[in-house]
PDB file of N, CA and C in Angstrom:
ATOM      1  N   MET A   1      -1.898   9.251 -14.191  1.00  0.00           N
ATOM      2  CA  MET A   1      -1.533   9.506 -15.545  1.00  0.00           C
ATOM      3  C   MET A   1      -2.348   8.556 -16.383  1.00  0.00           C
ATOM      4  N   ARG A   2      -2.983   9.151 -17.459  1.00  0.00           N
ATOM      5  CA  ARG A   2      -3.808   8.337 -18.349  1.00  0.00           C
ATOM      6  C   ARG A   2      -3.107   8.355 -19.730  1.00  0.00           C
ATOM      7  N   VAL A   3      -2.728   7.220 -20.241  1.00  0.00           N
ATOM      8  CA  VAL A   3      -2.145   7.079 -21.582  1.00  0.00           C
ATOM      9  C   VAL A   3      -2.584   5.724 -22.023  1.00  0.00           C
ATOM     10  N   VAL A   4      -3.033   5.691 -23.314  1.00  0.00           N
ATOM     11  CA  VAL A   4      -3.501   4.441 -23.875  1.00  0.00           C
ATOM     12  C   VAL A   4      -2.513   3.729 -24.793  1.00  0.00           C
ATOM     13  N   PRO A   5      -2.021   4.471 -25.793  1.00  0.00           N
ATOM     14  CA  PRO A   5      -1.142   3.857 -26.806  1.00  0.00           C
ATOM     15  C   PRO A   5       0.211   3.451 -26.190  1.00  0.00           C
ATOM     16  N   ALA A   6       0.697   2.212 -26.434  1.00  0.00           N
ATOM     17  CA  ALA A   6       2.022   1.828 -25.977  1.00  0.00           C
ATOM     18  C   ALA A   6       3.106   2.311 -26.938  1.00  0.00           C
ATOM     19  N   PRO A   7       4.166   2.740 -26.392  1.00  0.00           N
ATOM     20  CA  PRO A   7       5.256   3.250 -27.250  1.00  0.00           C
ATOM     21  C   PRO A   7       5.712   2.108 -28.160  1.00  0.00           C
ATOM     22  N   ALA A   8       6.423   2.414 -29.282  1.00  0.00           N
ATOM     23  CA  ALA A   8       6.957   1.417 -30.196  1.00  0.00           C
ATOM     24  C   ALA A   8       7.885   0.407 -29.574  1.00  0.00           C
ATOM     25  N   ARG A   9       8.647   0.856 -28.638  1.00  0.00           N
ATOM     26  CA  ARG A   9       9.627  -0.066 -28.030  1.00  0.00           C
ATOM     27  C   ARG A   9       9.097  -0.535 -26.721  1.00  0.00           C
ATOM     28  N   SER A  10       8.060  -1.409 -26.785  1.00  0.00           N
ATOM     29  CA  SER A  10       7.477  -1.824 -25.504  1.00  0.00           C
ATOM     30  C   SER A  10       6.915  -3.234 -25.624  1.00  0.00           C
ATOM     31  N   ALA A  11       6.652  -3.824 -24.485  1.00  0.00           N
ATOM     32  CA  ALA A  11       5.914  -5.118 -24.398  1.00  0.00           C
ATOM     33  C   ALA A  11       4.931  -5.052 -23.318  1.00  0.00           C
ATOM     34  N   VAL A  12       3.835  -5.753 -23.411  1.00  0.00           N
ATOM     35  CA  VAL A  12       2.819  -5.744 -22.425  1.00  0.00           C
ATOM     36  C   VAL A  12       2.585  -7.120 -21.895  1.00  0.00           C
ATOM     37  N   VAL A  13       2.572  -7.318 -20.566  1.00  0.00           N
ATOM     38  CA  VAL A  13       2.276  -8.610 -20.025  1.00  0.00           C
ATOM     39  C   VAL A  13       1.072  -8.448 -19.146  1.00  0.00           C
ATOM     40  N   ARG A  14       0.051  -9.195 -19.427  1.00  0.00           N
ATOM     41  CA  ARG A  14      -1.264  -9.097 -18.767  1.00  0.00           C
ATOM     42  C   ARG A  14      -1.280  -9.883 -17.452  1.00  0.00           C
ATOM     43  N   ASP A  15      -1.929  -9.343 -16.497  1.00  0.00           N
ATOM     44  CA  ASP A  15      -2.134 -10.070 -15.161  1.00  0.00           C
ATOM     45  C   ASP A  15      -2.971 -11.298 -15.363  1.00  0.00           C
ATOM     46  N   ARG A  16      -2.578 -12.360 -14.699  1.00  0.00           N
ATOM     47  CA  ARG A  16      -3.285 -13.624 -14.855  1.00  0.00           C
ATOM     48  C   ARG A  16      -4.671 -13.585 -14.339  1.00  0.00           C
ATOM     49  N   ASP A  17      -4.918 -12.847 -13.231  1.00  0.00           N
ATOM     50  CA  ASP A  17      -6.206 -12.895 -12.541  1.00  0.00           C
ATOM     51  C   ASP A  17      -7.077 -11.619 -12.805  1.00  0.00           C
ATOM     52  N   ARG A  18      -6.450 -10.580 -13.162  1.00  0.00           N
ATOM     53  CA  ARG A  18      -7.209  -9.349 -13.429  1.00  0.00           C
ATOM     54  C   ARG A  18      -6.925  -8.797 -14.797  1.00  0.00           C
ATOM     55  N   SER A  19      -7.814  -9.011 -15.776  1.00  0.00           N
ATOM     56  CA  SER A  19      -7.584  -8.710 -17.115  1.00  0.00           C
ATOM     57  C   SER A  19      -7.282  -7.245 -17.462  1.00  0.00           C
ATOM     58  N   ALA A  20      -7.776  -6.370 -16.592  1.00  0.00           N
ATOM     59  CA  ALA A  20      -7.505  -4.929 -16.782  1.00  0.00           C
ATOM     60  C   ALA A  20      -6.057  -4.503 -16.317  1.00  0.00           C
ATOM     61  N   ARG A  21      -5.430  -5.359 -15.558  1.00  0.00           N
ATOM     62  CA  ARG A  21      -4.090  -4.935 -15.070  1.00  0.00           C
ATOM     63  C   ARG A  21      -3.023  -5.527 -15.937  1.00  0.00           C
ATOM     64  N   ALA A  22      -1.977  -4.739 -16.184  1.00  0.00           N
ATOM     65  CA  ALA A  22      -0.895  -5.178 -17.099  1.00  0.00           C
ATOM     66  C   ALA A  22       0.399  -4.507 -16.651  1.00  0.00           C
ATOM     67  N   LEU A  23       1.508  -5.171 -16.925  1.00  0.00           N
ATOM     68  CA  LEU A  23       2.848  -4.567 -16.798  1.00  0.00           C
ATOM     69  C   LEU A  23       3.322  -4.242 -18.155  1.00  0.00           C
ATOM     70  N   ARG A  24       3.730  -2.993 -18.275  1.00  0.00           N
ATOM     71  CA  ARG A  24       4.265  -2.515 -19.637  1.00  0.00           C
ATOM     72  C   ARG A  24       5.849  -2.354 -19.436  1.00  0.00           C
ATOM     73  N   VAL A  25       6.579  -2.906 -20.297  1.00  0.00           N
ATOM     74  CA  VAL A  25       8.067  -2.768 -20.323  1.00  0.00           C
ATOM     75  C   VAL A  25       8.471  -1.951 -21.510  1.00  0.00           C
ATOM     76  N   THR A  26       9.049  -0.833 -21.270  1.00  0.00           N
ATOM     77  CA  THR A  26       9.357   0.144 -22.357  1.00  0.00           C
ATOM     78  C   THR A  26      10.800   0.461 -22.274  1.00  0.00           C
ATOM     79  N   THR A  27      11.479   0.373 -23.416  1.00  0.00           N
ATOM     80  CA  THR A  27      12.902   0.731 -23.521  1.00  0.00           C
ATOM     81  C   THR A  27      13.097   2.184 -23.956  1.00  0.00           C
ATOM     82  N   HIS A  28      14.041   2.797 -23.351  1.00  0.00           N
ATOM     83  CA  HIS A  28      14.367   4.210 -23.769  1.00  0.00           C
ATOM     84  C   HIS A  28      15.814   4.291 -23.945  1.00  0.00           C
ATOM     85  N   PRO A  29      16.373   3.886 -25.192  1.00  0.00           N
ATOM     86  CA  PRO A  29      17.866   3.769 -25.376  1.00  0.00           C
ATOM     87  C   PRO A  29      18.468   5.144 -25.278  1.00  0.00           C
ATOM     88  N   ASP A  30      17.788   6.226 -25.714  1.00  0.00           N
ATOM     89  CA  ASP A  30      18.301   7.537 -25.649  1.00  0.00           C
ATOM     90  C   ASP A  30      18.671   7.970 -24.186  1.00  0.00           C
ATOM     91  N   ALA A  31      17.842   7.438 -23.263  1.00  0.00           N
ATOM     92  CA  ALA A  31      18.073   7.840 -21.803  1.00  0.00           C
ATOM     93  C   ALA A  31      18.824   6.687 -21.064  1.00  0.00           C
ATOM     94  N   GLY A  32      19.094   5.590 -21.725  1.00  0.00           N
ATOM     95  CA  GLY A  32      19.757   4.471 -21.046  1.00  0.00           C
ATOM     96  C   GLY A  32      18.820   3.832 -19.990  1.00  0.00           C
ATOM     97  N   LEU A  33      17.499   3.738 -20.260  1.00  0.00           N
ATOM     98  CA  LEU A  33      16.567   3.263 -19.283  1.00  0.00           C
ATOM     99  C   LEU A  33      15.711   2.101 -19.787  1.00  0.00           C
ATOM    100  N   VAL A  34      15.242   1.334 -18.932  1.00  0.00           N
ATOM    101  CA  VAL A  34      14.113   0.365 -19.138  1.00  0.00           C
ATOM    102  C   VAL A  34      13.075   0.725 -18.066  1.00  0.00           C
ATOM    103  N   VAL A  35      11.917   1.030 -18.516  1.00  0.00           N
ATOM    104  CA  VAL A  35      10.798   1.443 -17.599  1.00  0.00           C
ATOM    105  C   VAL A  35       9.763   0.417 -17.529  1.00  0.00           C
ATOM    106  N   LEU A  36       9.541  -0.005 -16.288  1.00  0.00           N
ATOM    107  CA  LEU A  36       8.366  -0.856 -15.984  1.00  0.00           C
ATOM    108  C   LEU A  36       7.273  -0.083 -15.480  1.00  0.00           C
ATOM    109  N   SER A  37       6.080  -0.141 -16.081  1.00  0.00           N
ATOM    110  CA  SER A  37       4.933   0.576 -15.619  1.00  0.00           C
ATOM    111  C   SER A  37       3.780  -0.401 -15.360  1.00  0.00           C
ATOM    112  N   LEU A  38       3.006  -0.252 -14.252  1.00  0.00           N
ATOM    113  CA  LEU A  38       1.929  -1.037 -13.893  1.00  0.00           C
ATOM    114  C   LEU A  38       0.618  -0.265 -14.246  1.00  0.00           C
ATOM    115  N   TRP A  39      -0.264  -0.911 -15.025  1.00  0.00           N
ATOM    116  CA  TRP A  39      -1.440  -0.297 -15.585  1.00  0.00           C
ATOM    117  C   TRP A  39      -2.635  -0.960 -14.953  1.00  0.00           C
ATOM    118  N   ASP A  40      -3.622  -0.203 -14.703  1.00  0.00           N
ATOM    119  CA  ASP A  40      -4.991  -0.763 -14.311  1.00  0.00           C
ATOM    120  C   ASP A  40      -5.959  -0.087 -15.299  1.00  0.00           C
ATOM    121  N   GLY A  41      -6.239  -0.857 -16.367  1.00  0.00           N
ATOM    122  CA  GLY A  41      -7.032  -0.304 -17.484  1.00  0.00           C
ATOM    123  C   GLY A  41      -6.200   0.707 -18.246  1.00  0.00           C
ATOM    124  N   ASP A  42      -6.587   1.922 -18.410  1.00  0.00           N
ATOM    125  CA  ASP A  42      -5.801   2.921 -19.083  1.00  0.00           C
ATOM    126  C   ASP A  42      -5.144   3.905 -18.109  1.00  0.00           C
ATOM    127  N   VAL A  43      -5.032   3.471 -16.803  1.00  0.00           N
ATOM    128  CA  VAL A  43      -4.414   4.312 -15.860  1.00  0.00           C
ATOM    129  C   VAL A  43      -3.064   3.693 -15.389  1.00  0.00           C
ATOM    130  N   CYS A  44      -2.065   4.435 -15.506  1.00  0.00           N
ATOM    131  CA  CYS A  44      -0.670   4.055 -15.027  1.00  0.00           C
ATOM    132  C   CYS A  44      -0.676   4.293 -13.519  1.00  0.00           C
ATOM    133  N   THR A  45      -0.562   3.254 -12.801  1.00  0.00           N
ATOM    134  CA  THR A  45      -0.525   3.389 -11.300  1.00  0.00           C
ATOM    135  C   THR A  45       0.847   3.604 -10.693  1.00  0.00           C
ATOM    136  N   THR A  46       1.917   3.075 -11.303  1.00  0.00           N
ATOM    137  CA  THR A  46       3.243   3.282 -10.832  1.00  0.00           C
ATOM    138  C   THR A  46       4.253   2.924 -11.908  1.00  0.00           C
ATOM    139  N   THR A  47       5.424   3.423 -11.736  1.00  0.00           N
ATOM    140  CA  THR A  47       6.596   3.139 -12.629  1.00  0.00           C
ATOM    141  C   THR A  47       7.816   2.809 -11.884  1.00  0.00           C
ATOM    142  N   LEU A  48       8.706   2.091 -12.493  1.00  0.00           N
ATOM    143  CA  LEU A  48      10.036   1.801 -11.969  1.00  0.00           C
ATOM    144  C   LEU A  48      11.010   1.966 -13.126  1.00  0.00           C
ATOM    145  N   ARG A  49      11.932   2.844 -12.903  1.00  0.00           N
ATOM    146  CA  ARG A  49      12.976   3.182 -13.927  1.00  0.00           C
ATOM    147  C   ARG A  49      14.231   2.393 -13.610  1.00  0.00           C
ATOM    148  N   LEU A  50      14.687   1.576 -14.537  1.00  0.00           N
ATOM    149  CA  LEU A  50      15.816   0.648 -14.325  1.00  0.00           C
ATOM    150  C   LEU A  50      17.051   0.979 -15.283  1.00  0.00           C
ATOM    151  N   ASP A  51      18.225   0.853 -14.723  1.00  0.00           N
ATOM    152  CA  ASP A  51      19.403   0.819 -15.597  1.00  0.00           C
ATOM    153  C   ASP A  51      19.352  -0.538 -16.269  1.00  0.00           C
ATOM    154  N   PRO A  52      19.851  -0.629 -17.502  1.00  0.00           N
ATOM    155  CA  PRO A  52      19.900  -1.845 -18.275  1.00  0.00           C
ATOM    156  C   PRO A  52      20.474  -3.029 -17.446  1.00  0.00           C
ATOM    157  N   ALA A  53      21.557  -2.805 -16.713  1.00  0.00           N
ATOM    158  CA  ALA A  53      22.182  -3.875 -15.869  1.00  0.00           C
ATOM    159  C   ALA A  53      21.173  -4.353 -14.794  1.00  0.00           C
ATOM    160  N   ASP A  54      20.407  -3.456 -14.249  1.00  0.00           N
ATOM    161  CA  ASP A  54      19.436  -3.881 -13.242  1.00  0.00           C
ATOM    162  C   ASP A  54      18.269  -4.604 -13.911  1.00  0.00           C
ATOM    163  N   ALA A  55      18.020  -4.258 -15.130  1.00  0.00           N
ATOM    164  CA  ALA A  55      16.931  -4.991 -15.889  1.00  0.00           C
ATOM    165  C   ALA A  55      17.405  -6.399 -16.206  1.00  0.00           C
ATOM    166  N   ALA A  56      18.723  -6.560 -16.475  1.00  0.00           N
ATOM    167  CA  ALA A  56      19.198  -7.969 -16.686  1.00  0.00           C
ATOM    168  C   ALA A  56      19.209  -8.792 -15.395  1.00  0.00           C
ATOM    169  N   ASP A  57      19.409  -8.112 -14.221  1.00  0.00           N
ATOM    170  CA  ASP A  57      19.326  -8.864 -12.986  1.00  0.00           C
ATOM    171  C   ASP A  57      17.848  -9.224 -12.721  1.00  0.00           C
ATOM    172  N   LEU A  58      16.879  -8.410 -13.133  1.00  0.00           N
ATOM    173  CA  LEU A  58      15.505  -8.724 -12.970  1.00  0.00           C
ATOM    174  C   LEU A  58      15.127  -9.928 -13.898  1.00  0.00           C
ATOM    175  N   VAL A  59      15.673  -9.942 -15.050  1.00  0.00           N
ATOM    176  CA  VAL A  59      15.388 -11.052 -15.953  1.00  0.00           C
ATOM    177  C   VAL A  59      15.884 -12.322 -15.339  1.00  0.00           C
ATOM    178  N   ARG A  60      17.073 -12.319 -14.798  1.00  0.00           N
ATOM    179  CA  ARG A  60      17.594 -13.552 -14.098  1.00  0.00           C
ATOM    180  C   ARG A  60      16.707 -13.934 -12.966  1.00  0.00           C
ATOM    181  N   ALA A  61      16.288 -13.090 -12.124  1.00  0.00           N
ATOM    182  CA  ALA A  61      15.433 -13.340 -10.997  1.00  0.00           C
ATOM    183  C   ALA A  61      14.089 -13.883 -11.476  1.00  0.00           C
ATOM    184  N   LEU A  62      13.504 -13.303 -12.571  1.00  0.00           N
ATOM    185  CA  LEU A  62      12.248 -13.868 -13.113  1.00  0.00           C
ATOM    186  C   LEU A  62      12.412 -15.279 -13.689  1.00  0.00           C
ATOM    187  N   THR A  63      13.528 -15.483 -14.333  1.00  0.00           N
ATOM    188  CA  THR A  63      13.775 -16.806 -14.869  1.00  0.00           C
ATOM    189  C   THR A  63      13.830 -17.839 -13.780  1.00  0.00           C
ATOM    190  N   ASP A  64      14.621 -17.485 -12.674  1.00  0.00           N
ATOM    191  CA  ASP A  64      14.744 -18.421 -11.538  1.00  0.00           C
ATOM    192  C   ASP A  64      13.386 -18.664 -10.934  1.00  0.00           C
ATOM    193  N   ALA A  65      12.533 -17.599 -10.764  1.00  0.00           N
ATOM    194  CA  ALA A  65      11.277 -17.768 -10.127  1.00  0.00           C
ATOM    195  C   ALA A  65      10.347 -18.636 -11.027  1.00  0.00           C
ATOM    196  N   ALA A  66      10.468 -18.452 -12.375  1.00  0.00           N
ATOM    197  CA  ALA A  66       9.582 -19.175 -13.291  1.00  0.00           C
ATOM    198  C   ALA A  66       9.932 -20.647 -13.173  1.00  0.00           C
ATOM    199  N   VAL A  67      11.241 -20.992 -13.170  1.00  0.00           N
ATOM    200  CA  VAL A  67      11.721 -22.314 -13.087  1.00  0.00           C
ATOM    201  C   VAL A  67      11.218 -22.978 -11.735  1.00  0.00           C
ATOM    202  N   ALA A  68      11.386 -22.173 -10.655  1.00  0.00           N
ATOM    203  CA  ALA A  68      10.895 -22.829  -9.386  1.00  0.00           C
ATOM    204  C   ALA A  68       9.418 -22.975  -9.335  1.00  0.00           C
ATOM    205  N   ALA A  69       8.691 -22.122 -10.068  1.00  0.00           N
ATOM    206  CA  ALA A  69       7.201 -22.203  -9.903  1.00  0.00           C
ATOM    207  C   ALA A  69       6.584 -23.198 -10.907  1.00  0.00           C
ATOM    208  N   ALA A  70       7.379 -23.644 -11.874  1.00  0.00           N
ATOM    209  CA  ALA A  70       6.864 -24.554 -12.932  1.00  0.00           C
ATOM    210  C   ALA A  70       6.480 -25.843 -12.290  1.00  0.00           C
ATOM    211  N   PRO A  71       5.265 -26.395 -12.741  1.00  0.00           N
ATOM    212  CA  PRO A  71       4.919 -27.715 -12.249  1.00  0.00           C
ATOM    213  C   PRO A  71       5.912 -28.765 -12.649  1.00  0.00           C
ATOM    214  N   ARG A  72       6.119 -29.678 -11.708  1.00  0.00           N
ATOM    215  CA  ARG A  72       7.094 -30.761 -12.025  1.00  0.00           C
ATOM    216  C   ARG A  72       6.259 -31.968 -12.523  1.00  0.00           C
ATOM    217  N   THR A  73       6.750 -32.597 -13.528  1.00  0.00           N
ATOM    218  CA  THR A  73       6.068 -33.696 -14.177  1.00  0.00           C
ATOM    219  C   THR A  73       6.680 -35.020 -13.520  1.00  0.00           C
ATOM    220  N   PRO A  74       5.803 -35.919 -13.159  1.00  0.00           N
ATOM    221  CA  PRO A  74       6.345 -37.158 -12.556  1.00  0.00           C
ATOM    222  C   PRO A  74       7.260 -37.905 -13.481  1.00  0.00           C
ATOM    223  N   ARG A  75       8.236 -38.607 -13.005  1.00  0.00           N
ATOM    224  CA  ARG A  75       9.191 -39.238 -13.804  1.00  0.00           C
ATOM    225  C   ARG A  75       8.527 -40.546 -14.239  1.00  0.00           C
ATOM    226  N   VAL A  76       8.694 -40.830 -15.614  1.00  0.00           N
ATOM    227  CA  VAL A  76       8.131 -41.966 -16.274  1.00  0.00           C
ATOM    228  C   VAL A  76       9.125 -43.063 -16.016  1.00  0.00           C
ATOM    229  N   PRO A  77       8.681 -44.263 -15.545  1.00  0.00           N
ATOM    230  CA  PRO A  77       9.560 -45.338 -15.388  1.00  0.00           C
ATOM    231  C   PRO A  77      10.318 -45.763 -16.697  1.00  0.00           C
ATOM    232  N   GLY A  78      11.615 -45.880 -16.622  1.00  0.00           N
ATOM    233  CA  GLY A  78      12.386 -46.244 -17.825  1.00  0.00           C
ATOM    234  C   GLY A  78      12.888 -45.077 -18.598  1.00  0.00           C
ATOM    235  N   ALA A  79      12.303 -43.889 -18.278  1.00  0.00           N
ATOM    236  CA  ALA A  79      12.767 -42.684 -19.075  1.00  0.00           C
ATOM    237  C   ALA A  79      14.141 -42.258 -18.552  1.00  0.00           C
ATOM    238  N   PRO A  80      14.978 -41.617 -19.325  1.00  0.00           N
ATOM    239  CA  PRO A  80      16.300 -41.190 -18.915  1.00  0.00           C
ATOM    240  C   PRO A  80      16.134 -40.084 -17.887  1.00  0.00           C
ATOM    241  N   GLU A  81      17.062 -39.942 -16.994  1.00  0.00           N
ATOM    242  CA  GLU A  81      17.119 -38.816 -16.076  1.00  0.00           C
ATOM    243  C   GLU A  81      17.407 -37.524 -16.863  1.00  0.00           C
ATOM    244  N   THR A  82      17.154 -36.388 -16.226  1.00  0.00           N
ATOM    245  CA  THR A  82      17.459 -35.141 -16.940  1.00  0.00           C
ATOM    246  C   THR A  82      18.925 -35.073 -17.305  1.00  0.00           C
ATOM    247  N   GLY A  83      19.162 -34.777 -18.518  1.00  0.00           N
ATOM    248  CA  GLY A  83      20.637 -34.615 -19.007  1.00  0.00           C
ATOM    249  C   GLY A  83      21.123 -35.898 -19.527  1.00  0.00           C
ATOM    250  N   GLU A  84      20.510 -37.083 -19.292  1.00  0.00           N
ATOM    251  CA  GLU A  84      20.993 -38.418 -19.767  1.00  0.00           C
ATOM    252  C   GLU A  84      20.511 -38.443 -21.204  1.00  0.00           C
ATOM    253  N   VAL A  85      21.331 -39.057 -22.069  1.00  0.00           N
ATOM    254  CA  VAL A  85      20.983 -39.406 -23.396  1.00  0.00           C
ATOM    255  C   VAL A  85      20.893 -40.979 -23.554  1.00  0.00           C
ATOM    256  N   PRO A  86      19.773 -41.433 -24.007  1.00  0.00           N
ATOM    257  CA  PRO A  86      19.646 -42.908 -24.084  1.00  0.00           C
ATOM    258  C   PRO A  86      20.689 -43.516 -25.056  1.00  0.00           C
ATOM    259  N   ALA A  87      21.235 -44.605 -24.628  1.00  0.00           N
ATOM    260  CA  ALA A  87      22.244 -45.321 -25.416  1.00  0.00           C
ATOM    261  C   ALA A  87      21.613 -45.822 -26.689  1.00  0.00           C
ATOM    262  N   ALA A  88      22.417 -45.818 -27.734  1.00  0.00           N
ATOM    263  CA  ALA A  88      21.986 -46.350 -29.009  1.00  0.00           C
ATOM    264  C   ALA A  88      21.928 -47.847 -28.937  1.00  0.00           C
ATOM    265  N   SER A  89      20.841 -48.480 -29.582  1.00  0.00           N
ATOM    266  CA  SER A  89      20.805 -49.872 -29.562  1.00  0.00           C
ATOM    267  C   SER A  89      21.491 -50.478 -30.656  1.00  0.00           C
TER     268      SER A  89
END
């Protein structure tokens, strides 16, 4: 399938390593769907049609994965631990 313009209710996420590849997220409220489509240039290579609840589960999974993949910064000596608030002097 070849389609170039993105629908009004969509977002595009580009592949980090291959600039021609992208994930398009399109909402279809009239059908109660969120559609993920994988594009290579102007060619749609596959789609996944999700119920909104499944899309929410995907967002949670992506959030967990992003947190796990984020680089950890070394702790600075004397800096408060995560969640600690320095005492007022």
